[in-house]
Amino acid sequence: MEKVAGIGGFFFRAHDPKALATWYQQHLGIALTPTTEGGTVWQQEAGPTSFSPFPQTTKYFGDPNKSWMVNFRVHDLDKMVAQLRTAGIEVKDPESYLHIGRFTRLQDPEGNPIELWQPA
């Protein structure tokens, strides 16, 4: 069976796309998608990707009006949390799960849920 090779993009609506893209670049290091042909696209590092539909009634994303949550892998969760908090961004205290890793949650400026994961 032919199957996809990976996620090629993540597209979502925003009230202020330019400001939100800049926030992701400044605070999470995700390069903006080029607006001209030949520009450099953000390259994520190789690693596991979870693709998990959740029940409509899940509370996992926080706000029940949000239908998605993005999870980003990080190398050092403590450093990332400190960096975000220094920038004035509210970040929950990290939680650990044996054999899975450490996680924390935050929201972008438009209230979209973000999970950061340091794999075990």
C-alpha atoms as a PDB file:
ATOM      1  CA  MET A   1       0.000   0.000   0.000  1.00  0.00           C
ATOM      2  CA  GLU A   2       1.290   3.469  -0.875  1.00  0.00           C
ATOM      3  CA  LYS A   3       1.329   5.796   2.137  1.00  0.00           C
ATOM      4  CA  VAL A   4       2.322   9.337   3.006  1.00  0.00           C
ATOM      5  CA  ALA A   5       5.944  10.041   3.915  1.00  0.00           C
ATOM      6  CA  GLY A   6       5.288  12.684   6.564  1.00  0.00           C
ATOM      7  CA  ILE A   7       3.537  15.932   7.273  1.00  0.00           C
ATOM      8  CA  GLY A   8       4.367  18.480   4.601  1.00  0.00           C
ATOM      9  CA  GLY A   9       2.662  21.456   6.193  1.00  0.00           C
ATOM     10  CA  PHE A  10       0.360  22.615   8.936  1.00  0.00           C
ATOM     11  CA  PHE A  11      -2.108  25.282   7.836  1.00  0.00           C
ATOM     12  CA  PHE A  12      -4.590  27.090  10.051  1.00  0.00           C
ATOM     13  CA  ARG A  13      -6.634  30.259  10.137  1.00  0.00           C
ATOM     14  CA  ALA A  14      -5.511  33.270  12.174  1.00  0.00           C
ATOM     15  CA  HIS A  15      -6.964  36.674  12.960  1.00  0.00           C
ATOM     16  CA  ASP A  16      -3.563  38.253  12.260  1.00  0.00           C
ATOM     17  CA  PRO A  17      -1.492  35.726  10.259  1.00  0.00           C
ATOM     18  CA  LYS A  18       1.619  37.900   9.979  1.00  0.00           C
ATOM     19  CA  ALA A  19       1.793  38.686  13.708  1.00  0.00           C
ATOM     20  CA  LEU A  20       1.098  35.070  14.660  1.00  0.00           C
ATOM     21  CA  ALA A  21       3.754  33.732  12.265  1.00  0.00           C
ATOM     22  CA  THR A  22       6.233  36.203  13.754  1.00  0.00           C
ATOM     23  CA  TRP A  23       5.351  35.008  17.291  1.00  0.00           C
ATOM     24  CA  TYR A  24       6.044  31.370  16.314  1.00  0.00           C
ATOM     25  CA  GLN A  25       9.350  32.426  14.772  1.00  0.00           C
ATOM     26  CA  GLN A  26      10.467  34.571  17.723  1.00  0.00           C
ATOM     27  CA  HIS A  27       9.444  32.238  20.535  1.00  0.00           C
ATOM     28  CA  LEU A  28       9.599  28.719  19.080  1.00  0.00           C
ATOM     29  CA  GLY A  29      12.180  29.135  16.311  1.00  0.00           C
ATOM     30  CA  ILE A  30       9.884  28.114  13.464  1.00  0.00           C
ATOM     31  CA  ALA A  31      10.974  29.915  10.303  1.00  0.00           C
ATOM     32  CA  LEU A  32       8.284  31.671   8.336  1.00  0.00           C
ATOM     33  CA  THR A  33       7.197  30.066   5.082  1.00  0.00           C
ATOM     34  CA  PRO A  34       8.886  31.954   2.244  1.00  0.00           C
ATOM     35  CA  THR A  35       6.685  34.249   0.196  1.00  0.00           C
ATOM     36  CA  THR A  36       8.894  33.940  -2.875  1.00  0.00           C
ATOM     37  CA  GLU A  37       9.903  30.920  -4.880  1.00  0.00           C
ATOM     38  CA  GLY A  38      13.268  29.530  -3.831  1.00  0.00           C
ATOM     39  CA  GLY A  39      13.042  30.639  -0.203  1.00  0.00           C
ATOM     40  CA  THR A  40      14.004  28.288   2.620  1.00  0.00           C
ATOM     41  CA  VAL A  41      11.231  26.343   4.355  1.00  0.00           C
ATOM     42  CA  TRP A  42      11.561  25.363   8.041  1.00  0.00           C
ATOM     43  CA  GLN A  43      13.120  21.890   8.300  1.00  0.00           C
ATOM     44  CA  GLN A  44      12.076  19.908  11.327  1.00  0.00           C
ATOM     45  CA  GLU A  45      14.467  17.386  12.798  1.00  0.00           C
ATOM     46  CA  ALA A  46      13.781  13.686  12.328  1.00  0.00           C
ATOM     47  CA  GLY A  47      11.794  12.137  15.126  1.00  0.00           C
ATOM     48  CA  PRO A  48       8.471  10.610  16.060  1.00  0.00           C
ATOM     49  CA  THR A  49       5.189  12.267  15.108  1.00  0.00           C
ATOM     50  CA  SER A  50       1.941  11.353  16.806  1.00  0.00           C
ATOM     51  CA  PHE A  51      -1.198  11.466  14.662  1.00  0.00           C
ATOM     52  CA  SER A  52      -4.124  10.989  17.037  1.00  0.00           C
ATOM     53  CA  PRO A  53      -7.773  11.882  16.486  1.00  0.00           C
ATOM     54  CA  PHE A  54      -9.468  12.516  19.848  1.00  0.00           C
ATOM     55  CA  PRO A  55     -13.126  12.199  20.832  1.00  0.00           C
ATOM     56  CA  GLN A  56     -15.189  15.357  20.276  1.00  0.00           C
ATOM     57  CA  THR A  57     -15.655  15.593  24.064  1.00  0.00           C
ATOM     58  CA  THR A  58     -11.931  15.572  24.950  1.00  0.00           C
ATOM     59  CA  LYS A  59     -10.628  18.053  27.498  1.00  0.00           C
ATOM     60  CA  TYR A  60      -7.034  17.362  26.437  1.00  0.00           C
ATOM     61  CA  PHE A  61      -6.798  20.549  24.325  1.00  0.00           C
ATOM     62  CA  GLY A  62      -8.136  22.792  27.084  1.00  0.00           C
ATOM     63  CA  ASP A  63     -10.685  25.078  25.401  1.00  0.00           C
ATOM     64  CA  PRO A  64     -13.550  22.851  24.140  1.00  0.00           C
ATOM     65  CA  ASN A  65     -14.000  25.205  21.165  1.00  0.00           C
ATOM     66  CA  LYS A  66     -10.564  24.299  19.785  1.00  0.00           C
ATOM     67  CA  SER A  67     -10.573  21.363  17.400  1.00  0.00           C
ATOM     68  CA  TRP A  68      -6.798  20.866  17.196  1.00  0.00           C
ATOM     69  CA  MET A  69      -3.595  21.137  19.193  1.00  0.00           C
ATOM     70  CA  VAL A  70      -0.073  21.113  17.806  1.00  0.00           C
ATOM     71  CA  ASN A  71       2.708  19.269  19.646  1.00  0.00           C
ATOM     72  CA  PHE A  72       6.314  20.314  19.078  1.00  0.00           C
ATOM     73  CA  ARG A  73       9.330  18.199  20.071  1.00  0.00           C
ATOM     74  CA  VAL A  74      12.081  20.005  21.996  1.00  0.00           C
ATOM     75  CA  HIS A  75      15.566  18.993  23.145  1.00  0.00           C
ATOM     76  CA  ASP A  76      15.495  20.659  26.574  1.00  0.00           C
ATOM     77  CA  LEU A  77      12.043  21.360  27.973  1.00  0.00           C
ATOM     78  CA  ASP A  78      13.353  23.227  31.015  1.00  0.00           C
ATOM     79  CA  LYS A  79      15.337  25.667  28.859  1.00  0.00           C
ATOM     80  CA  MET A  80      12.372  26.200  26.528  1.00  0.00           C
ATOM     81  CA  VAL A  81       9.992  26.812  29.441  1.00  0.00           C
ATOM     82  CA  ALA A  82      12.437  29.312  30.980  1.00  0.00           C
ATOM     83  CA  GLN A  83      12.863  31.088  27.636  1.00  0.00           C
ATOM     84  CA  LEU A  84       9.100  31.404  27.138  1.00  0.00           C
ATOM     85  CA  ARG A  85       8.455  32.564  30.699  1.00  0.00           C
ATOM     86  CA  THR A  86      11.223  35.168  30.395  1.00  0.00           C
ATOM     87  CA  ALA A  87       9.339  36.496  27.352  1.00  0.00           C
ATOM     88  CA  GLY A  88       6.214  36.824  29.505  1.00  0.00           C
ATOM     89  CA  ILE A  89       4.421  33.786  28.075  1.00  0.00           C
ATOM     90  CA  GLU A  90       2.362  31.713  30.496  1.00  0.00           C
ATOM     91  CA  VAL A  91       3.512  28.083  30.447  1.00  0.00           C
ATOM     92  CA  LYS A  92       2.193  25.277  32.638  1.00  0.00           C
ATOM     93  CA  ASP A  93       4.597  23.374  34.858  1.00  0.00           C
ATOM     94  CA  PRO A  94       6.014  20.361  32.970  1.00  0.00           C
ATOM     95  CA  GLU A  95       4.703  16.859  33.653  1.00  0.00           C
ATOM     96  CA  SER A  96       6.645  13.603  33.237  1.00  0.00           C
ATOM     97  CA  TYR A  97       5.410  10.302  31.832  1.00  0.00           C
ATOM     98  CA  LEU A  98       7.642   7.249  32.161  1.00  0.00           C
ATOM     99  CA  HIS A  99       8.927   5.944  28.798  1.00  0.00           C
ATOM    100  CA  ILE A 100       7.172   8.777  26.917  1.00  0.00           C
ATOM    101  CA  GLY A 101       8.837  11.963  28.099  1.00  0.00           C
ATOM    102  CA  ARG A 102       8.031  15.350  29.561  1.00  0.00           C
ATOM    103  CA  PHE A 103       5.276  17.696  28.419  1.00  0.00           C
ATOM    104  CA  THR A 104       4.069  21.222  29.000  1.00  0.00           C
ATOM    105  CA  ARG A 105       1.267  23.342  27.599  1.00  0.00           C
ATOM    106  CA  LEU A 106       0.836  26.931  26.510  1.00  0.00           C
ATOM    107  CA  GLN A 107      -1.245  28.962  24.086  1.00  0.00           C
ATOM    108  CA  ASP A 108      -0.220  31.171  21.210  1.00  0.00           C
ATOM    109  CA  PRO A 109      -1.460  34.800  21.204  1.00  0.00           C
ATOM    110  CA  GLU A 110      -4.711  33.739  19.506  1.00  0.00           C
ATOM    111  CA  GLY A 111      -5.471  31.097  22.139  1.00  0.00           C
ATOM    112  CA  ASN A 112      -4.477  28.056  20.076  1.00  0.00           C
ATOM    113  CA  PRO A 113      -3.242  25.209  22.280  1.00  0.00           C
ATOM    114  CA  ILE A 114       0.402  24.157  21.996  1.00  0.00           C
ATOM    115  CA  GLU A 115       2.053  21.189  23.662  1.00  0.00           C
ATOM    116  CA  LEU A 116       5.833  20.929  23.984  1.00  0.00           C
ATOM    117  CA  TRP A 117       7.332  17.456  24.321  1.00  0.00           C
ATOM    118  CA  GLN A 118      10.804  16.343  25.326  1.00  0.00           C
ATOM    119  CA  PRO A 119      10.821  12.647  24.352  1.00  0.00           C
ATOM    120  CA  ALA A 120      12.195  10.145  26.881  1.00  0.00           C
END
